[in-house]
Amino acid sequence: MILGSALALLASAIKHVPAGQVYSLHRLGKPARLLQPGVHMVMPLLERVAHKINLAGQVLRLEESMADDAHDVRGTVYWQVLEPERADAVIDQVDQLIRRGAIAAMHDEPQAGEAADRRVLGTRMKLALNSALRERGMMVTRVDLDLA
């Protein structure tokens, strides 16, 4: 029984981080360090993996209704984490950040209700999203819009 518990505790102290990911390790509920790809030892019961941050490109599908306009925003936003140490604090809310930023960018766009070029609108939305996300360690790489 004691040997089994000791082996379980030892097994929980070993963390394997796959390539293309970074694990955010928290000690007693506060950020402690980032685990880069590879095998790492952690202090069981004191440290836990809070976030598994994927460094590869991510995709977010947008299907938002504009409340005061006669059109909807549909499209795809491609983004990635560049600085996991900065992104760790907001990684759980990144989808909401991108959705809110996309809606705000469309509200600020004077041609959004007209038959404007989707590429131009996508480029402007990308710039607007990047101004908010870069300080959080993330970047939008591409925006493909379908205006309905």
Protein backbone atom coordinates (compact mmCIF):
# COMPACT_ATOMS: atom_id res chain seq x y z
CA MET A 1 0.00 0.00 0.00
CA ILE A 2 2.71 2.48 0.99
CA LEU A 3 4.89 1.38 -1.92
CA GLY A 4 1.96 1.88 -4.32
CA SER A 5 1.34 5.37 -2.96
CA ALA A 6 5.02 6.25 -3.27
CA LEU A 7 5.10 5.02 -6.89
CA ALA A 8 1.94 6.99 -7.72
CA LEU A 9 3.45 10.12 -6.17
CA LEU A 10 6.67 9.63 -8.14
CA ALA A 11 4.75 9.09 -11.37
CA SER A 12 2.78 12.31 -10.80
CA ALA A 13 6.08 14.19 -10.38
CA ILE A 14 7.13 13.44 -13.96
CA LYS A 15 5.60 15.60 -16.69
CA HIS A 16 6.19 15.05 -20.38
CA VAL A 17 5.60 18.14 -22.53
CA PRO A 18 5.12 17.28 -26.21
CA ALA A 19 6.82 19.24 -29.00
CA GLY A 20 4.87 22.34 -30.01
CA GLN A 21 3.44 22.90 -26.56
CA VAL A 22 4.39 24.68 -23.36
CA TYR A 23 2.90 23.86 -19.97
CA SER A 24 2.24 26.62 -17.47
CA LEU A 25 3.10 25.38 -14.00
CA HIS A 26 1.47 26.94 -10.96
CA ARG A 27 2.74 26.51 -7.42
CA LEU A 28 0.17 26.96 -4.69
CA GLY A 29 -2.17 28.67 -7.16
CA LYS A 30 0.35 31.20 -8.49
CA PRO A 31 2.32 31.07 -11.75
CA ALA A 32 5.72 29.51 -11.10
CA ARG A 33 7.36 28.62 -14.43
CA LEU A 34 6.85 27.35 -17.96
CA LEU A 35 7.77 23.82 -18.93
CA GLN A 36 9.26 23.65 -22.41
CA PRO A 37 9.00 20.46 -24.53
CA GLY A 38 10.69 17.49 -22.89
CA VAL A 39 10.53 15.61 -19.60
CA HIS A 40 10.41 17.58 -16.35
CA MET A 41 10.21 16.91 -12.63
CA VAL A 42 7.62 18.83 -10.64
CA MET A 43 6.77 18.88 -6.96
CA PRO A 44 3.62 16.79 -6.59
CA LEU A 45 0.88 18.24 -4.39
CA LEU A 46 2.53 21.70 -4.56
CA GLU A 47 2.74 22.28 -8.30
CA ARG A 48 0.16 21.64 -10.99
CA VAL A 49 -0.15 22.19 -14.72
CA ALA A 50 -2.55 25.11 -15.10
CA HIS A 51 -2.52 25.48 -18.91
CA LYS A 52 -1.33 23.44 -21.84
CA ILE A 53 -0.44 26.13 -24.35
CA ASN A 54 -0.33 25.06 -27.99
CA LEU A 55 2.30 27.01 -29.95
CA ALA A 56 1.04 25.87 -33.34
CA GLY A 57 -1.53 27.89 -35.23
CA GLN A 58 -5.07 27.92 -33.88
CA VAL A 59 -8.33 28.42 -35.75
CA LEU A 60 -11.44 30.21 -34.49
CA ARG A 61 -14.62 30.18 -36.55
CA LEU A 62 -16.69 33.36 -36.27
CA GLU A 63 -20.46 33.41 -36.70
CA GLU A 64 -21.59 36.62 -35.06
CA SER A 65 -24.83 38.53 -35.50
CA MET A 66 -24.45 42.28 -35.52
CA ALA A 67 -27.30 43.58 -33.37
CA ASP A 68 -27.79 46.98 -34.98
CA ASP A 69 -26.76 46.13 -38.54
CA ALA A 70 -28.49 44.17 -41.28
CA HIS A 71 -25.62 41.73 -41.74
CA ASP A 72 -23.82 38.96 -39.92
CA VAL A 73 -20.11 38.37 -39.64
CA ARG A 74 -18.90 34.94 -40.62
CA GLY A 75 -15.35 33.93 -41.13
CA THR A 76 -12.27 32.30 -39.76
CA VAL A 77 -9.52 33.81 -37.63
CA TYR A 78 -6.12 32.11 -37.60
CA TRP A 79 -3.98 32.94 -34.57
CA GLN A 80 -1.04 31.65 -32.57
CA VAL A 81 0.80 32.12 -29.31
CA LEU A 82 4.19 33.82 -29.70
CA GLU A 83 5.06 34.48 -26.05
CA PRO A 84 3.54 31.83 -23.76
CA GLU A 85 4.68 33.62 -20.61
CA ARG A 86 2.48 36.60 -21.52
CA ALA A 87 -0.38 34.54 -23.00
CA ASP A 88 -0.71 32.32 -19.91
CA ALA A 89 -2.84 34.83 -18.00
CA VAL A 90 -5.50 35.11 -20.73
CA ILE A 91 -5.26 31.84 -22.65
CA ASP A 92 -8.63 30.67 -21.29
CA GLN A 93 -10.36 33.82 -22.60
CA VAL A 94 -8.68 34.13 -26.01
CA ASP A 95 -11.79 33.04 -27.94
CA GLN A 96 -13.88 35.73 -26.24
CA LEU A 97 -11.15 38.34 -26.79
CA ILE A 98 -11.04 37.58 -30.51
CA ARG A 99 -14.84 37.55 -30.85
CA ARG A 100 -15.23 40.88 -29.03
CA GLY A 101 -12.39 42.40 -31.03
CA ALA A 102 -13.90 41.22 -34.31
CA ILE A 103 -17.29 42.69 -33.46
CA ALA A 104 -15.72 45.98 -32.38
CA ALA A 105 -13.68 46.12 -35.59
CA MET A 106 -16.81 45.58 -37.69
CA HIS A 107 -18.68 48.31 -35.78
CA ASP A 108 -15.79 50.70 -36.38
CA GLU A 109 -15.68 49.86 -40.10
CA PRO A 110 -17.69 52.40 -42.10
CA GLN A 111 -18.05 50.11 -45.11
CA ALA A 112 -19.09 47.03 -43.14
CA GLY A 113 -22.70 47.21 -44.26
CA GLU A 114 -21.85 47.75 -47.92
CA ALA A 115 -20.44 45.34 -50.44
CA ALA A 116 -16.88 46.04 -49.35
CA ASP A 117 -13.96 43.86 -50.34
CA ARG A 118 -13.71 40.96 -47.88
CA ARG A 119 -9.92 40.93 -48.07
CA VAL A 120 -9.69 44.61 -47.14
CA LEU A 121 -12.09 44.12 -44.22
CA GLY A 122 -10.18 41.02 -43.15
CA THR A 123 -6.89 42.90 -43.21
CA ARG A 124 -8.33 45.75 -41.17
CA MET A 125 -9.82 43.30 -38.68
CA LYS A 126 -6.46 41.51 -38.41
CA LEU A 127 -4.70 44.81 -37.62
CA ALA A 128 -7.33 45.72 -35.02
CA LEU A 129 -7.13 42.29 -33.37
CA ASN A 130 -3.33 42.31 -33.35
CA SER A 131 -3.22 45.67 -31.60
CA ALA A 132 -5.08 44.07 -28.70
CA LEU A 133 -3.51 40.60 -28.75
CA ARG A 134 0.18 41.41 -29.26
CA GLU A 135 0.54 42.82 -25.74
CA ARG A 136 -0.84 39.48 -24.53
CA GLY A 137 1.75 37.45 -26.43
CA MET A 138 -0.50 36.32 -29.29
CA MET A 139 -0.86 37.23 -32.94
CA VAL A 140 -3.56 36.90 -35.58
CA THR A 141 -1.95 35.58 -38.74
CA ARG A 142 -4.94 35.67 -41.08
CA VAL A 143 -8.62 36.60 -41.22
CA ASP A 144 -10.95 35.18 -43.87
CA LEU A 145 -14.39 36.84 -43.87
CA ASP A 146 -17.71 35.91 -45.43
CA LEU A 147 -20.12 38.80 -45.07
CA ALA A 148 -23.80 37.82 -45.04
